[in-house]
């Protein structure tokens, strides 16, 4: 890696190259983690020592077999640490609705609109498939809107966010698109 190359860190602690094409270092994730579409390479050793509940690898990555993912340098321990891994052969947005679960497998609460939040209310995690509104006001106190939070939405969504939001993940909206407006 060149010294002047910029990096970006997502809300889970995963580190990517500035152009978003290489996963450089993973992190521990209790539930599911979706490597963003557009990532083409997972650096050797990027996932060593990581504990992840479920890992989703996009079709854009040049990784299509379990043997290419290393969670430990010890082969026996690697098998023990290996999470459930899904290798996608199509866009995440073109999934089969019945078999696709976007929700973190950890504990969360869901509001009346089908939006999932961490128990402390600081992280907006996901929108369930039943979320159909075109405008949504994120409650005050939310600090993070996670990557791909509204990926299930086929309609255009306008998110009104409070000033408490400090971090917005990547690829927040689904195929319908959307925009973010700061709530006055």
Protein backbone atom coordinates (compact mmCIF):
# COMPACT_ATOMS: atom_id res chain seq x y z
CA UNK A 1 0.00 0.00 0.00
CA UNK A 2 1.31 3.45 -0.87
CA UNK A 3 1.80 5.90 1.99
CA UNK A 4 -0.48 8.55 0.49
CA UNK A 5 -3.37 6.15 -0.18
CA UNK A 6 -6.47 7.17 1.76
CA UNK A 7 -8.46 4.58 3.68
CA UNK A 8 -12.02 4.49 4.88
CA UNK A 9 -13.47 2.87 7.96
CA UNK A 10 -17.09 1.72 8.03
CA UNK A 11 -19.39 1.79 11.06
CA UNK A 12 -18.38 -1.79 12.01
CA UNK A 13 -14.64 -1.06 12.02
CA UNK A 14 -13.78 -2.68 8.66
CA UNK A 15 -11.00 -0.86 6.79
CA UNK A 16 -11.14 -0.41 3.01
CA UNK A 17 -8.88 1.17 0.42
CA UNK A 18 -9.80 4.73 -0.50
CA UNK A 19 -11.33 3.61 -3.79
CA UNK A 20 -13.45 1.03 -1.95
CA UNK A 21 -12.18 -1.87 -4.05
CA UNK A 22 -10.10 -3.68 -1.41
CA UNK A 23 -10.99 -4.92 2.06
CA UNK A 24 -7.81 -4.39 4.05
CA UNK A 25 -8.78 -5.37 7.60
CA UNK A 26 -11.87 -6.88 9.15
CA UNK A 27 -13.36 -6.52 12.63
CA UNK A 28 -15.50 -8.52 15.02
CA UNK A 29 -19.21 -8.49 14.22
CA UNK A 30 -21.68 -10.34 16.42
CA UNK A 31 -24.32 -10.65 13.70
CA UNK A 32 -24.27 -10.42 9.92
CA UNK A 33 -21.77 -8.36 7.92
CA UNK A 34 -22.21 -7.47 4.26
CA UNK A 35 -19.04 -6.62 2.36
CA UNK A 36 -20.14 -3.74 0.12
CA UNK A 37 -20.70 -4.42 -3.56
CA UNK A 38 -17.84 -2.99 -5.57
CA UNK A 39 -15.19 -4.58 -3.37
CA UNK A 40 -13.04 -6.61 -5.75
CA UNK A 41 -10.39 -8.02 -3.44
CA UNK A 42 -10.04 -9.19 0.15
CA UNK A 43 -6.42 -8.76 1.18
CA UNK A 44 -4.75 -11.99 2.37
CA UNK A 45 -4.96 -12.01 6.15
CA UNK A 46 -7.58 -9.23 6.31
CA UNK A 47 -9.92 -11.45 8.33
CA UNK A 48 -7.37 -13.17 10.56
CA UNK A 49 -8.56 -13.00 14.15
CA UNK A 50 -12.04 -11.75 13.21
CA UNK A 51 -15.15 -13.29 14.69
CA UNK A 52 -18.18 -12.72 12.47
CA UNK A 53 -21.62 -14.30 12.77
CA UNK A 54 -22.52 -14.34 9.06
CA UNK A 55 -20.39 -12.95 6.24
CA UNK A 56 -21.87 -11.95 2.87
CA UNK A 57 -19.37 -11.72 0.02
CA UNK A 58 -20.58 -9.73 -3.03
CA UNK A 59 -20.44 -10.98 -6.59
CA UNK A 60 -17.88 -8.27 -7.37
CA UNK A 61 -15.24 -9.81 -5.08
CA UNK A 62 -12.81 -12.28 -6.60
CA UNK A 63 -13.43 -14.71 -3.73
CA UNK A 64 -15.73 -17.60 -4.44
CA UNK A 65 -14.59 -20.38 -2.11
CA UNK A 66 -14.24 -20.85 1.64
CA UNK A 67 -10.56 -21.77 1.23
CA UNK A 68 -9.84 -18.25 0.04
CA UNK A 69 -11.05 -16.77 3.36
CA UNK A 70 -8.60 -17.12 6.24
CA UNK A 71 -9.72 -16.34 9.81
CA UNK A 72 -6.71 -18.01 11.47
CA UNK A 73 -3.28 -19.10 10.27
CA UNK A 74 -3.89 -22.48 11.96
CA UNK A 75 -5.98 -24.64 9.53
CA UNK A 76 -7.85 -26.41 12.35
CA UNK A 77 -8.64 -23.18 14.14
CA UNK A 78 -9.66 -21.57 10.82
CA UNK A 79 -12.42 -24.19 10.42
CA UNK A 80 -13.59 -23.45 13.96
CA UNK A 81 -13.66 -19.66 13.42
CA UNK A 82 -15.27 -19.78 9.95
CA UNK A 83 -18.64 -18.03 10.08
CA UNK A 84 -21.58 -18.83 7.87
CA UNK A 85 -20.48 -17.38 4.52
CA UNK A 86 -22.73 -16.53 1.57
CA UNK A 87 -21.10 -15.97 -1.81
CA UNK A 88 -23.46 -13.89 -3.95
CA UNK A 89 -23.65 -14.43 -7.71
CA UNK A 90 -25.95 -11.44 -8.25
CA UNK A 91 -26.47 -7.96 -6.82
CA UNK A 92 -27.65 -7.85 -3.22
CA UNK A 93 -30.65 -5.85 -4.48
CA UNK A 94 -31.66 -8.72 -6.80
CA UNK A 95 -32.11 -11.25 -4.01
CA UNK A 96 -34.96 -13.63 -3.40
CA UNK A 97 -37.03 -11.85 -0.74
CA UNK A 98 -37.95 -15.06 1.11
CA UNK A 99 -34.38 -16.20 1.68
CA UNK A 100 -32.68 -12.88 2.28
CA UNK A 101 -32.22 -11.78 5.89
CA UNK A 102 -30.55 -8.40 6.30
CA UNK A 103 -31.06 -8.12 10.02
CA UNK A 104 -28.23 -8.39 12.52
CA UNK A 105 -28.49 -11.66 14.37
CA UNK A 106 -27.78 -9.79 17.60
CA UNK A 107 -30.43 -8.15 19.73
CA UNK A 108 -32.39 -5.25 18.26
CA UNK A 109 -35.80 -3.63 18.38
CA UNK A 110 -38.07 -2.82 15.44
CA UNK A 111 -40.36 0.22 15.27
CA UNK A 112 -43.89 0.36 13.84
CA UNK A 113 -42.51 1.08 10.34
CA UNK A 114 -40.22 -1.98 10.23
CA UNK A 115 -36.98 -0.10 11.00
CA UNK A 116 -34.51 -1.99 13.20
CA UNK A 117 -32.44 -0.23 15.86
CA UNK A 118 -29.81 -1.36 18.33
CA UNK A 119 -31.30 -1.80 21.81
CA UNK A 120 -29.75 1.47 22.99
CA UNK A 121 -31.29 3.29 19.99
CA UNK A 122 -27.97 4.71 18.82
CA UNK A 123 -27.69 2.65 15.59
CA UNK A 124 -30.26 2.42 12.80
CA UNK A 125 -29.51 -1.09 11.53
CA UNK A 126 -31.96 -1.99 8.75
CA UNK A 127 -35.33 -1.54 7.11
CA UNK A 128 -37.45 -4.67 6.77
CA UNK A 129 -39.07 -5.55 3.47
CA UNK A 130 -42.44 -4.28 4.78
CA UNK A 131 -41.05 -0.73 5.08
CA UNK A 132 -42.97 1.09 2.33
CA UNK A 133 -43.06 4.76 3.36
CA UNK A 134 -41.45 7.38 1.15
CA UNK A 135 -40.49 9.74 3.99
CA UNK A 136 -39.03 8.68 7.33
CA UNK A 137 -37.94 10.78 10.31
CA UNK A 138 -35.03 9.16 12.14
CA UNK A 139 -35.51 9.70 15.89
CA UNK A 140 -33.27 12.06 17.83
CA UNK A 141 -30.50 10.17 19.62
CA UNK A 142 -29.53 7.97 16.67
CA UNK A 143 -25.78 8.37 16.11
CA UNK A 144 -25.12 5.90 13.25
CA UNK A 145 -27.06 4.90 10.15
CA UNK A 146 -25.44 1.63 9.11
CA UNK A 147 -24.27 0.76 5.63
CA UNK A 148 -27.03 -0.66 3.42
CA UNK A 149 -29.68 0.14 6.07
CA UNK A 150 -32.37 0.77 3.43
CA UNK A 151 -31.07 -1.71 0.83
CA UNK A 152 -34.39 -3.58 0.81
CA UNK A 153 -36.32 -0.49 -0.32
CA UNK A 154 -37.49 -0.46 -3.90
CA UNK A 155 -39.12 2.98 -3.53
CA UNK A 156 -37.35 6.34 -3.34
CA UNK A 157 -36.89 7.21 0.35
CA UNK A 158 -36.33 10.64 1.87
CA UNK A 159 -34.64 10.31 5.27
CA UNK A 160 -34.95 13.20 7.67
CA UNK A 161 -32.10 12.87 10.14
CA UNK A 162 -31.54 14.66 13.46
CA UNK A 163 -28.33 16.48 14.30
CA UNK A 164 -27.38 13.60 16.62
CA UNK A 165 -26.36 11.50 13.57
CA UNK A 166 -22.57 11.52 13.27
CA UNK A 167 -21.91 8.60 10.90
CA UNK A 168 -23.76 7.47 7.79
CA UNK A 169 -22.63 4.21 6.23
CA UNK A 170 -22.14 3.49 2.56
CA UNK A 171 -24.74 2.32 0.07
CA UNK A 172 -27.55 3.28 2.47
CA UNK A 173 -30.33 3.13 -0.13
CA UNK A 174 -31.63 0.28 -2.25
CA UNK A 175 -32.60 0.20 -5.91
CA UNK A 176 -35.22 2.94 -5.44
CA UNK A 177 -32.61 5.44 -4.31
CA UNK A 178 -33.08 8.17 -1.77
CA UNK A 179 -31.88 11.39 -0.24
CA UNK A 180 -30.93 12.58 3.23
CA UNK A 181 -32.24 15.83 4.69
CA UNK A 182 -31.20 17.29 8.05
CA UNK A 183 -34.29 17.74 10.21
CA UNK A 184 -34.61 21.35 11.37
